[in-house]
Amino acid sequence: MTAVHALILAAGRGTRMHSDLPKVLHTVGGQPMLAHVLRAAAALDAPTHLVLGHGADAVQAWLARPDAGVATPQAIAMQAEQLGTAHAVQQALPGVPDDARVVILYGDVPLIGADLLQALAQAADGALALVTATLADPSGYGRILRNAAGQVTGIVEHKDANDAQRAITEINTGLLAAPAGALKRWIAQVRNDNANREYYLTDVVALAVADGMLVRTVSAPQPDEVEGVNDRVQLARAERLYQQRQATRLMRAGVQLADPARFDLRGELIAGRDVFIDVGVIIEGRVELADGVRVGAYTLLKDVRLGRGSVVQAHCVLEGLAAGADCRIGPFARVRPDSTFADEVHIGNFVEVKKGALGHGTKAGHLAYIGDATVGADVNISAGVITCNYDGANKHQTVIGDGAFIGTDAQLVAPVTIGERAFIAAGSTITREVPADALAVCRARDQKTIANWKRPSKKKS
């Protein structure tokens, strides 16, 4: 079997998107459409050639990012003028050996699957191969023309088709594969004598037939797999189709989704047994949920790892958290990156943790800020507690020992250490170390009461 080369067309302007962003960088499932296509092409285990044009600098900048998550194409060709699909292919063909097979993909067809591409590549062994689909309503698509023996003879665009041809429901998807040497010859013969003055790749079908080349077709098992995205309506449709696929895959693996239509996976989810995810949950980055984890409604998880039996209640935003087993988080809690929770930690409503390491059984029930802090086991952090970690220029650490009790509305001005089992009285501002087993009280000495005091009143307009 001859070598395969993948050629991805991503040079189009995408005018119907009405956007300054190159069309192929618009996202589906939190990733650029081009990323999905590059990953599908990678399954061919073949050199990848990318054709760029409009917005090439932005696409190349994305490819260079460490978080792009895709392999850099082996070659990038530039289509300075967008003169049609055949012209785009022509820019990359010089880098493809004549004895190879070329599989042509599009950067705006994000749902293409690896299995279909592999079938297309195999069908192009000594032949021109096309991916076709059968639609109940084929309006707007080019129709596949066949002779009485069922052999492909050409493609006719919808606007050029007669009534009999428009009745054909088998359509051209644009995906094709062919021997490179023959494709180079056909591309050189394509003309732009059409209304748009463009060089169309579909014209190579008739040239292949005239050459006596066998034309094979591969039928797309799911038409939505080969749908292109040209505007934001189609982008939204691709997003929903992608999410439906992910939801179905996860449910078949044992994850319980309260409503698969209200679930968004924009990264990678690894889930154990009996995981429950409520409506409106968004998954970004890499998220790992151990057995029995429950995630409440309208929660965002980004780069989070939750241990067995942990529960996240509704309306939480968790990013960069590694939590142990049986933790209770939320509702309305926020955890920022580089935070770790040991087993059985509880943080409640309107608690924010940033770069916080919380020990086993530690609790912060509500209305607290824990930043740049190392907190021991079985610590109680009451309402209104703040670790004052920022002095206007630098961040400083707070260390709280096992079993300490931090009273309501206390401020711990970092850098500061609270010893094991120390007790901080409510309303105290702590600026110095508190030894183990000590009570620290820091309040104004005198309490003043002013009798018959009158509240300010609004001025009459």
Protein backbone atom coordinates (compact mmCIF):
# COMPACT_ATOMS: atom_id res chain seq x y z
CA MET A 1 0.00 0.00 0.00
CA THR A 2 1.36 3.42 -0.99
CA ALA A 3 2.03 6.13 1.56
CA VAL A 4 -0.80 8.48 2.53
CA HIS A 5 -0.51 12.25 2.87
CA ALA A 6 -3.28 14.35 4.47
CA LEU A 7 -3.99 17.76 3.00
CA ILE A 8 -6.19 20.15 5.01
CA LEU A 9 -7.68 23.24 3.38
CA ALA A 10 -7.95 26.11 5.87
CA ALA A 11 -7.38 29.23 3.79
CA GLY A 12 -10.94 30.55 3.44
CA ARG A 13 -12.04 33.95 4.66
CA GLY A 14 -15.32 32.79 6.15
CA THR A 15 -17.16 36.01 5.35
CA ARG A 16 -20.50 34.66 6.55
CA MET A 17 -19.10 34.34 10.07
CA HIS A 18 -18.86 38.18 10.23
CA SER A 19 -15.79 37.85 12.42
CA ASP A 20 -12.19 39.04 12.59
CA LEU A 21 -11.21 35.56 13.77
CA PRO A 22 -10.25 33.08 11.01
CA LYS A 23 -13.15 30.69 10.51
CA VAL A 24 -11.17 27.56 11.37
CA LEU A 25 -10.29 29.02 14.80
CA HIS A 26 -13.91 29.30 15.85
CA THR A 27 -14.50 26.68 18.50
CA VAL A 28 -16.57 23.53 18.83
CA GLY A 29 -16.40 21.87 22.21
CA GLY A 30 -13.99 24.53 23.42
CA GLN A 31 -11.42 23.76 20.73
CA PRO A 32 -10.85 25.36 17.30
CA MET A 33 -12.53 23.50 14.47
CA LEU A 34 -9.10 23.00 12.94
CA ALA A 35 -7.96 21.14 16.07
CA HIS A 36 -10.70 18.54 15.57
CA VAL A 37 -9.71 18.05 11.92
CA LEU A 38 -6.00 17.77 12.74
CA ARG A 39 -6.73 15.09 15.35
CA ALA A 40 -8.86 13.13 12.89
CA ALA A 41 -6.09 13.37 10.28
CA ALA A 42 -3.54 12.16 12.83
CA ALA A 43 -5.32 8.80 12.86
CA LEU A 44 -4.04 8.28 9.30
CA ASP A 45 -0.50 8.26 10.70
CA ALA A 46 0.50 10.31 7.67
CA PRO A 47 2.35 13.56 6.92
CA THR A 48 -0.08 16.48 7.18
CA HIS A 49 -0.04 19.46 4.84
CA LEU A 50 -1.98 22.56 5.90
CA VAL A 51 -3.05 25.20 3.40
CA LEU A 52 -3.46 28.64 4.96
CA GLY A 53 -4.49 31.99 3.56
CA HIS A 54 -6.75 34.48 5.29
CA GLY A 55 -5.73 34.85 8.92
CA ALA A 56 -2.64 32.67 8.46
CA ASP A 57 -0.69 34.52 11.16
CA ALA A 58 -3.42 33.89 13.72
CA VAL A 59 -3.64 30.20 12.81
CA GLN A 60 0.12 29.76 13.04
CA ALA A 61 0.20 31.58 16.37
CA TRP A 62 -2.42 29.16 17.70
CA LEU A 63 -0.47 26.16 16.40
CA ALA A 64 2.61 27.41 18.25
CA ARG A 65 0.82 27.62 21.59
CA PRO A 66 1.80 24.91 24.10
CA ASP A 67 -1.87 24.33 24.94
CA ALA A 68 -2.96 23.84 21.31
CA GLY A 69 -3.02 20.11 21.95
CA VAL A 70 -2.29 19.12 18.35
CA ALA A 71 0.80 18.08 16.45
CA THR A 72 2.27 20.75 14.19
CA PRO A 73 1.65 19.94 10.50
CA GLN A 74 4.70 18.69 8.65
CA ALA A 75 4.21 21.35 5.97
CA ILE A 76 2.31 24.61 5.64
CA ALA A 77 1.49 26.03 2.22
CA MET A 78 0.16 29.53 1.59
CA GLN A 79 -2.71 30.43 -0.70
CA ALA A 80 -2.18 34.17 -1.03
CA GLU A 81 -5.29 34.59 -3.20
CA GLN A 82 -8.35 32.49 -2.53
CA LEU A 83 -9.10 31.31 -6.07
CA GLY A 84 -11.00 28.14 -5.25
CA THR A 85 -10.51 24.71 -3.76
CA ALA A 86 -8.51 23.28 -6.66
CA HIS A 87 -6.19 26.26 -6.48
CA ALA A 88 -5.77 25.70 -2.74
CA VAL A 89 -4.86 22.04 -3.25
CA GLN A 90 -2.40 23.04 -5.95
CA GLN A 91 -0.40 25.11 -3.43
CA ALA A 92 0.39 22.04 -1.29
CA LEU A 93 0.78 19.32 -3.94
CA PRO A 94 4.46 20.08 -4.74
CA GLY A 95 5.34 18.75 -1.29
CA VAL A 96 3.59 15.43 -1.90
CA PRO A 97 5.42 12.58 -3.69
CA ASP A 98 3.82 11.41 -6.94
CA ASP A 99 3.56 7.84 -5.67
CA ALA A 100 1.59 8.82 -2.54
CA ARG A 101 -2.15 8.98 -2.00
CA VAL A 102 -3.62 12.33 -0.99
CA VAL A 103 -6.58 12.61 1.39
CA ILE A 104 -8.16 16.06 1.21
CA LEU A 105 -9.98 17.45 4.26
CA TYR A 106 -11.44 20.81 5.24
CA GLY A 107 -10.62 22.81 8.34
CA ASP A 108 -14.26 23.80 8.79
CA VAL A 109 -15.66 20.24 8.95
CA PRO A 110 -15.05 19.62 12.66
CA LEU A 111 -17.07 16.43 13.20
CA ILE A 112 -15.17 14.27 10.71
CA GLY A 113 -14.20 10.92 12.20
CA ALA A 114 -11.01 8.92 11.90
CA ASP A 115 -12.82 5.77 10.71
CA LEU A 116 -14.33 7.56 7.73
CA LEU A 117 -10.96 9.05 6.75
CA GLN A 118 -9.27 5.67 6.92
CA ALA A 119 -11.98 4.18 4.71
CA LEU A 120 -11.50 7.03 2.24
CA ALA A 121 -7.73 6.52 2.14
CA GLN A 122 -8.13 2.79 1.48
CA ALA A 123 -10.65 3.42 -1.31
CA ALA A 124 -8.13 5.65 -3.11
CA ASP A 125 -5.73 2.78 -3.77
CA GLY A 126 -5.48 3.08 -7.57
CA ALA A 127 -8.68 5.13 -7.78
CA LEU A 128 -10.25 8.50 -7.13
CA ALA A 129 -12.39 8.19 -4.00
CA LEU A 130 -15.19 10.49 -2.86
CA VAL A 131 -17.15 10.70 0.36
CA THR A 132 -20.84 11.01 -0.40
CA ALA A 133 -23.93 11.29 1.78
CA THR A 134 -27.62 10.69 1.21
CA LEU A 135 -29.90 13.49 2.37
CA ALA A 136 -33.66 13.74 2.51
CA ASP A 137 -33.30 17.34 1.37
CA PRO A 138 -30.18 17.74 -0.79
CA SER A 139 -30.95 21.33 -1.80
CA GLY A 140 -27.83 23.40 -2.31
CA TYR A 141 -25.44 20.46 -2.61
CA GLY A 142 -23.69 19.08 -5.66
CA ARG A 143 -25.25 15.81 -6.88
CA ILE A 144 -23.36 12.62 -7.69
CA LEU A 145 -24.03 11.54 -11.29
CA ARG A 146 -23.87 7.84 -12.12
CA ASN A 147 -24.38 5.84 -15.31
CA ALA A 148 -26.68 2.86 -15.74
CA ALA A 149 -24.01 0.59 -14.26
CA GLY A 150 -23.86 2.74 -11.12
CA GLN A 151 -20.43 4.13 -11.87
CA VAL A 152 -19.71 7.77 -11.03
CA THR A 153 -19.49 9.97 -14.10
CA GLY A 154 -19.34 13.41 -12.54
CA ILE A 155 -20.75 15.96 -10.12
CA VAL A 156 -23.28 18.64 -10.96
CA GLU A 157 -23.79 21.66 -8.73
CA HIS A 158 -27.33 22.33 -7.56
CA LYS A 159 -27.64 25.61 -9.45
CA ASP A 160 -26.57 23.91 -12.69
CA ALA A 161 -28.69 20.75 -12.28
CA ASN A 162 -31.87 19.97 -14.22
CA ASP A 163 -35.03 18.67 -12.55
CA ALA A 164 -34.03 15.01 -12.90
CA GLN A 165 -30.59 15.68 -11.43
CA ARG A 166 -32.04 17.69 -8.55
CA ALA A 167 -34.12 14.66 -7.64
CA ILE A 168 -30.88 12.80 -6.83
CA THR A 169 -30.39 12.54 -3.05
CA GLU A 170 -26.73 11.42 -3.07
CA ILE A 171 -24.59 14.50 -2.58
CA ASN A 172 -20.92 15.37 -2.76
CA THR A 173 -19.32 16.24 0.59
CA GLY A 174 -16.10 17.65 -0.88
CA LEU A 175 -13.90 15.07 0.85
CA LEU A 176 -11.83 13.09 -1.61
CA ALA A 177 -8.65 11.07 -2.00
CA ALA A 178 -6.59 10.21 -5.05
CA PRO A 179 -3.16 9.09 -6.27
CA ALA A 180 -0.96 12.19 -6.02
CA GLY A 181 0.55 11.96 -9.49
CA ALA A 182 -2.84 11.75 -11.19
CA LEU A 183 -4.29 14.48 -8.97
CA LYS A 184 -1.47 16.85 -9.93
CA ARG A 185 -2.23 16.20 -13.59
CA TRP A 186 -5.96 16.79 -13.18
CA ILE A 187 -5.53 19.91 -11.06
CA ALA A 188 -3.38 21.45 -13.80
CA GLN A 189 -6.30 21.00 -16.23
CA VAL A 190 -8.99 22.60 -14.07
CA ARG A 191 -10.35 25.83 -15.52
CA ASN A 192 -12.17 28.74 -13.89
CA ASP A 193 -14.77 29.27 -16.61
CA ASN A 194 -17.67 29.52 -14.17
CA ALA A 195 -19.76 32.28 -12.63
CA ASN A 196 -17.45 32.69 -9.64
CA ARG A 197 -14.23 32.51 -11.68
CA GLU A 198 -12.85 29.94 -9.27
CA TYR A 199 -10.97 26.68 -9.73
CA TYR A 200 -13.20 23.94 -8.29
CA LEU A 201 -11.81 20.69 -6.96
CA THR A 202 -14.98 18.88 -7.98
CA ASP A 203 -13.95 19.29 -11.64
CA VAL A 204 -11.27 16.61 -11.17
CA VAL A 205 -14.02 13.94 -11.05
CA ALA A 206 -14.94 14.38 -14.70
CA LEU A 207 -11.24 14.58 -15.61
CA ALA A 208 -10.60 11.29 -13.77
CA VAL A 209 -13.48 9.63 -15.62
CA ALA A 210 -12.14 10.93 -18.93
CA ASP A 211 -8.76 9.45 -17.99
CA GLY A 212 -10.35 6.05 -17.42
CA MET A 213 -9.64 6.21 -13.70
CA LEU A 214 -12.00 4.24 -11.47
CA VAL A 215 -14.07 6.48 -9.18
CA ARG A 216 -15.09 4.92 -5.88
CA THR A 217 -17.46 6.34 -3.30
CA VAL A 218 -17.49 5.99 0.46
CA SER A 219 -20.82 6.74 2.07
CA ALA A 220 -20.78 8.78 5.28
CA PRO A 221 -22.74 6.73 7.84
CA GLN A 222 -23.88 9.93 9.55
CA PRO A 223 -24.39 12.96 7.29
CA ASP A 224 -23.68 15.38 10.15
CA GLU A 225 -20.13 13.99 10.30
CA VAL A 226 -19.32 15.73 7.03
CA GLU A 227 -21.23 18.98 7.51
CA GLY A 228 -19.20 22.12 6.98
CA VAL A 229 -19.52 25.31 9.02
CA ASN A 230 -20.03 28.54 7.10
CA ASP A 231 -21.92 30.75 9.55
CA ARG A 232 -22.71 30.99 13.24
CA VAL A 233 -25.97 29.08 12.89
CA GLN A 234 -24.07 26.10 11.49
CA LEU A 235 -21.40 26.58 14.16
CA ALA A 236 -24.06 26.30 16.87
CA ARG A 237 -25.46 23.18 15.21
CA ALA A 238 -21.99 21.61 15.11
CA GLU A 239 -21.55 22.44 18.80
CA ARG A 240 -24.79 20.69 19.75
CA LEU A 241 -23.99 17.66 17.63
CA TYR A 242 -20.56 17.43 19.22
CA GLN A 243 -21.99 17.71 22.71
CA GLN A 244 -24.63 15.07 21.95
CA ARG A 245 -21.86 12.70 20.90
CA GLN A 246 -19.90 13.33 24.09
CA ALA A 247 -22.96 12.98 26.30
CA THR A 248 -23.94 9.70 24.65
CA ARG A 249 -20.41 8.32 25.01
CA LEU A 250 -20.24 9.25 28.70
CA MET A 251 -23.69 7.86 29.51
CA ARG A 252 -22.84 4.57 27.83
CA ALA A 253 -19.71 4.48 30.00
CA GLY A 254 -21.88 4.82 33.12
CA VAL A 255 -22.04 8.56 33.82
CA GLN A 256 -25.50 9.81 34.78
CA LEU A 257 -26.38 13.14 33.16
CA ALA A 258 -29.51 14.83 34.47
CA ASP A 259 -30.15 16.21 30.98
CA PRO A 260 -27.68 15.44 28.17
CA ALA A 261 -29.00 18.46 26.23
CA ARG A 262 -27.71 20.73 29.02
CA PHE A 263 -24.18 19.44 29.35
CA ASP A 264 -21.03 20.94 27.87
CA LEU A 265 -17.71 19.13 27.57
CA ARG A 266 -14.97 21.48 26.39
CA GLY A 267 -12.03 19.33 27.31
CA GLU A 268 -11.46 15.80 28.63
CA LEU A 269 -13.54 14.07 31.28
CA ILE A 270 -12.43 10.88 33.03
CA ALA A 271 -15.20 9.53 35.24
CA GLY A 272 -15.53 6.58 37.58
CA ARG A 273 -18.64 4.59 38.45
CA ASP A 274 -21.91 6.18 39.57
CA VAL A 275 -20.88 9.74 38.78
CA PHE A 276 -23.82 12.16 38.59
CA ILE A 277 -23.71 15.48 36.71
CA ASP A 278 -26.62 17.89 36.99
CA VAL A 279 -27.83 20.34 34.33
CA GLY A 280 -25.75 23.21 33.01
CA VAL A 281 -22.38 21.83 34.09
CA ILE A 282 -19.37 22.92 32.00
CA ILE A 283 -16.22 20.78 31.86
CA GLU A 284 -13.00 22.44 30.66
CA GLY A 285 -9.41 21.21 30.47
CA ARG A 286 -8.78 17.81 32.06
CA VAL A 287 -11.27 16.78 34.74
CA GLU A 288 -11.18 13.55 36.74
CA LEU A 289 -14.19 12.48 38.80
CA ALA A 290 -13.76 9.40 40.98
CA ASP A 291 -16.51 6.91 41.86
CA GLY A 292 -19.65 8.40 43.33
CA VAL A 293 -18.82 12.05 42.69
CA ARG A 294 -21.85 14.33 42.31
CA VAL A 295 -21.69 17.71 40.56
CA GLY A 296 -24.48 20.23 41.09
CA ALA A 297 -26.24 22.39 38.55
CA TYR A 298 -24.52 25.22 36.69
CA THR A 299 -21.06 24.45 37.97
CA LEU A 300 -17.81 25.03 36.06
CA LEU A 301 -14.99 22.51 36.50
CA LYS A 302 -11.65 23.30 34.86
CA ASP A 303 -8.58 21.13 35.40
CA VAL A 304 -10.11 19.57 38.51
CA ARG A 305 -9.63 16.22 40.22
CA LEU A 306 -12.25 15.10 42.76
CA GLY A 307 -11.87 12.06 45.01
CA ARG A 308 -14.35 9.30 45.68
CA GLY A 309 -17.72 10.39 47.03
CA SER A 310 -17.05 14.13 46.87
CA VAL A 311 -20.00 16.43 46.25
CA VAL A 312 -19.96 19.80 44.48
CA GLN A 313 -23.19 21.69 44.96
CA ALA A 314 -24.75 24.13 42.51
CA HIS A 315 -23.19 27.27 41.08
CA CYS A 316 -19.55 26.61 41.93
CA VAL A 317 -16.50 27.65 39.91
CA LEU A 318 -13.57 25.28 40.49
CA GLU A 319 -10.28 25.62 38.63
CA GLY A 320 -6.98 23.88 39.24
CA LEU A 321 -8.20 21.91 42.27
CA ALA A 322 -7.07 18.47 43.44
CA ALA A 323 -9.49 17.27 46.13
CA GLY A 324 -9.57 14.06 48.13
CA ALA A 325 -12.48 11.78 49.03
CA ASP A 326 -15.78 12.84 50.60
CA CYS A 327 -15.25 16.57 50.23
CA ARG A 328 -18.24 18.93 50.28
CA ILE A 329 -17.95 22.06 48.17
CA GLY A 330 -20.49 24.86 47.69
CA PRO A 331 -22.97 26.04 46.77
CA PHE A 332 -21.58 29.25 45.27
CA ALA A 333 -17.97 28.40 46.12
CA ARG A 334 -14.95 29.45 44.08
CA VAL A 335 -11.62 27.64 44.04
CA ARG A 336 -8.74 29.08 42.07
CA PRO A 337 -5.69 27.27 40.66
CA ASP A 338 -3.04 25.44 42.67
CA SER A 339 -5.37 24.44 45.50
CA THR A 340 -5.47 21.06 47.22
CA PHE A 341 -8.03 19.58 49.60
CA ALA A 342 -7.42 16.50 51.72
CA ASP A 343 -10.27 14.10 52.48
CA GLU A 344 -13.49 15.37 54.05
CA VAL A 345 -12.80 19.06 53.55
CA HIS A 346 -15.88 21.28 53.50
CA ILE A 347 -16.07 24.74 51.98
CA GLY A 348 -19.48 26.33 51.77
CA ASN A 349 -21.31 29.16 50.10
CA PHE A 350 -19.34 32.22 49.05
CA VAL A 351 -16.00 30.81 50.16
CA GLU A 352 -13.03 31.53 47.90
CA VAL A 353 -9.80 29.54 48.02
CA LYS A 354 -6.68 30.54 46.08
CA LYS A 355 -3.46 28.52 46.29
CA GLY A 356 -4.81 26.96 49.45
CA ALA A 357 -3.81 23.58 50.89
CA LEU A 358 -6.56 22.44 53.27
CA GLY A 359 -6.01 19.49 55.60
CA HIS A 360 -8.26 16.56 56.47
CA GLY A 361 -11.66 17.56 57.84
CA THR A 362 -11.07 21.29 57.69
CA LYS A 363 -14.23 23.42 57.34
CA ALA A 364 -14.95 26.90 56.02
CA GLY A 365 -18.72 27.08 55.98
CA HIS A 366 -19.36 30.45 54.40
CA LEU A 367 -18.15 33.92 53.46
CA ALA A 368 -14.41 33.41 53.81
CA TYR A 369 -11.28 34.06 51.73
CA ILE A 370 -8.36 31.63 52.04
CA GLY A 371 -5.46 32.71 49.85
CA ASP A 372 -1.83 31.56 49.80
CA ALA A 373 -2.47 29.45 52.89
CA THR A 374 -1.46 26.10 54.30
CA VAL A 375 -4.21 24.93 56.62
CA GLY A 376 -3.88 21.85 58.82
CA ALA A 377 -6.42 19.16 59.69
CA ASP A 378 -9.71 19.76 61.53
CA VAL A 379 -9.44 23.54 61.38
CA ASN A 380 -12.63 25.60 61.71
CA ILE A 381 -12.67 28.78 59.65
CA SER A 382 -15.69 30.87 60.57
CA ALA A 383 -17.72 33.34 58.53
CA GLY A 384 -15.98 36.49 57.35
CA VAL A 385 -12.43 35.21 57.88
CA ILE A 386 -9.82 36.65 55.53
CA THR A 387 -6.20 35.69 55.01
CA CYS A 388 -4.72 39.07 54.09
CA ASN A 389 -2.14 37.72 51.68
CA TYR A 390 -1.31 40.79 49.55
CA ASP A 391 0.55 43.85 50.76
CA GLY A 392 0.12 45.80 47.54
CA ALA A 393 3.32 44.43 46.00
CA ASN A 394 3.89 40.83 47.12
CA LYS A 395 1.91 37.78 48.20
CA HIS A 396 2.59 36.24 51.62
CA GLN A 397 1.81 32.90 53.25
CA THR A 398 -0.51 32.07 56.14
CA VAL A 399 0.06 28.82 58.04
CA ILE A 400 -2.65 27.44 60.33
CA GLY A 401 -1.92 24.40 62.48
CA ASP A 402 -4.12 21.35 63.10
CA GLY A 403 -7.23 21.86 65.19
CA ALA A 404 -7.13 25.65 65.22
CA PHE A 405 -10.32 27.69 65.48
CA ILE A 406 -10.52 30.95 63.56
CA GLY A 407 -13.39 33.05 64.86
CA THR A 408 -15.91 35.07 62.91
CA ASP A 409 -14.66 38.11 61.00
CA ALA A 410 -11.00 37.56 61.91
CA GLN A 411 -8.25 38.86 59.65
CA LEU A 412 -4.96 36.99 59.46
CA VAL A 413 -2.36 39.43 58.09
CA ALA A 414 0.30 37.40 56.30
CA PRO A 415 2.98 36.35 56.73
CA VAL A 416 1.64 34.81 59.90
CA THR A 417 1.51 31.42 61.65
CA ILE A 418 -1.32 30.16 63.85
CA GLY A 419 -0.26 27.28 66.07
CA GLU A 420 -2.03 23.97 66.57
CA ARG A 421 -5.31 24.18 68.51
CA ALA A 422 -4.96 27.95 68.81
CA PHE A 423 -8.21 29.93 69.17
CA ILE A 424 -8.62 33.27 67.40
CA ALA A 425 -11.42 35.32 68.93
CA ALA A 426 -14.07 36.82 66.68
CA GLY A 427 -13.25 40.20 65.17
CA SER A 428 -9.51 39.94 65.78
CA THR A 429 -6.83 41.23 63.45
CA ILE A 430 -3.79 38.97 63.85
CA THR A 431 -0.41 40.26 62.70
CA ARG A 432 1.98 38.13 64.79
CA GLU A 433 2.46 34.42 65.44
CA VAL A 434 -0.04 32.77 67.78
CA PRO A 435 1.43 29.83 69.73
CA ALA A 436 -0.20 26.42 69.98
CA ASP A 437 -3.10 26.10 72.46
CA ALA A 438 -3.30 29.89 72.93
CA LEU A 439 -6.24 32.30 72.75
CA ALA A 440 -5.58 35.42 70.68
CA VAL A 441 -7.84 38.45 71.08
CA CYS A 442 -7.18 41.70 69.26
CA ARG A 443 -9.95 44.33 69.62
CA ALA A 444 -10.31 47.99 70.59
CA ARG A 445 -10.17 48.39 74.36
CA ASP A 446 -13.16 50.63 74.76
CA GLN A 447 -16.69 50.18 73.47
CA LYS A 448 -18.40 53.54 73.10
CA THR A 449 -22.15 54.03 73.08
CA ILE A 450 -23.75 57.30 71.92
CA ALA A 451 -27.27 57.79 73.25
CA ASN A 452 -30.04 59.38 71.19
CA TRP A 453 -28.00 59.21 68.05
CA LYS A 454 -29.86 60.10 64.92
CA ARG A 455 -29.22 58.36 61.64
CA PRO A 456 -28.47 60.47 58.58
CA SER A 457 -31.53 61.26 56.49
CA LYS A 458 -31.83 61.73 52.76
CA LYS A 459 -31.84 65.28 51.54
CA LYS A 460 -35.06 66.41 49.97
CA SER A 461 -34.71 67.15 46.28
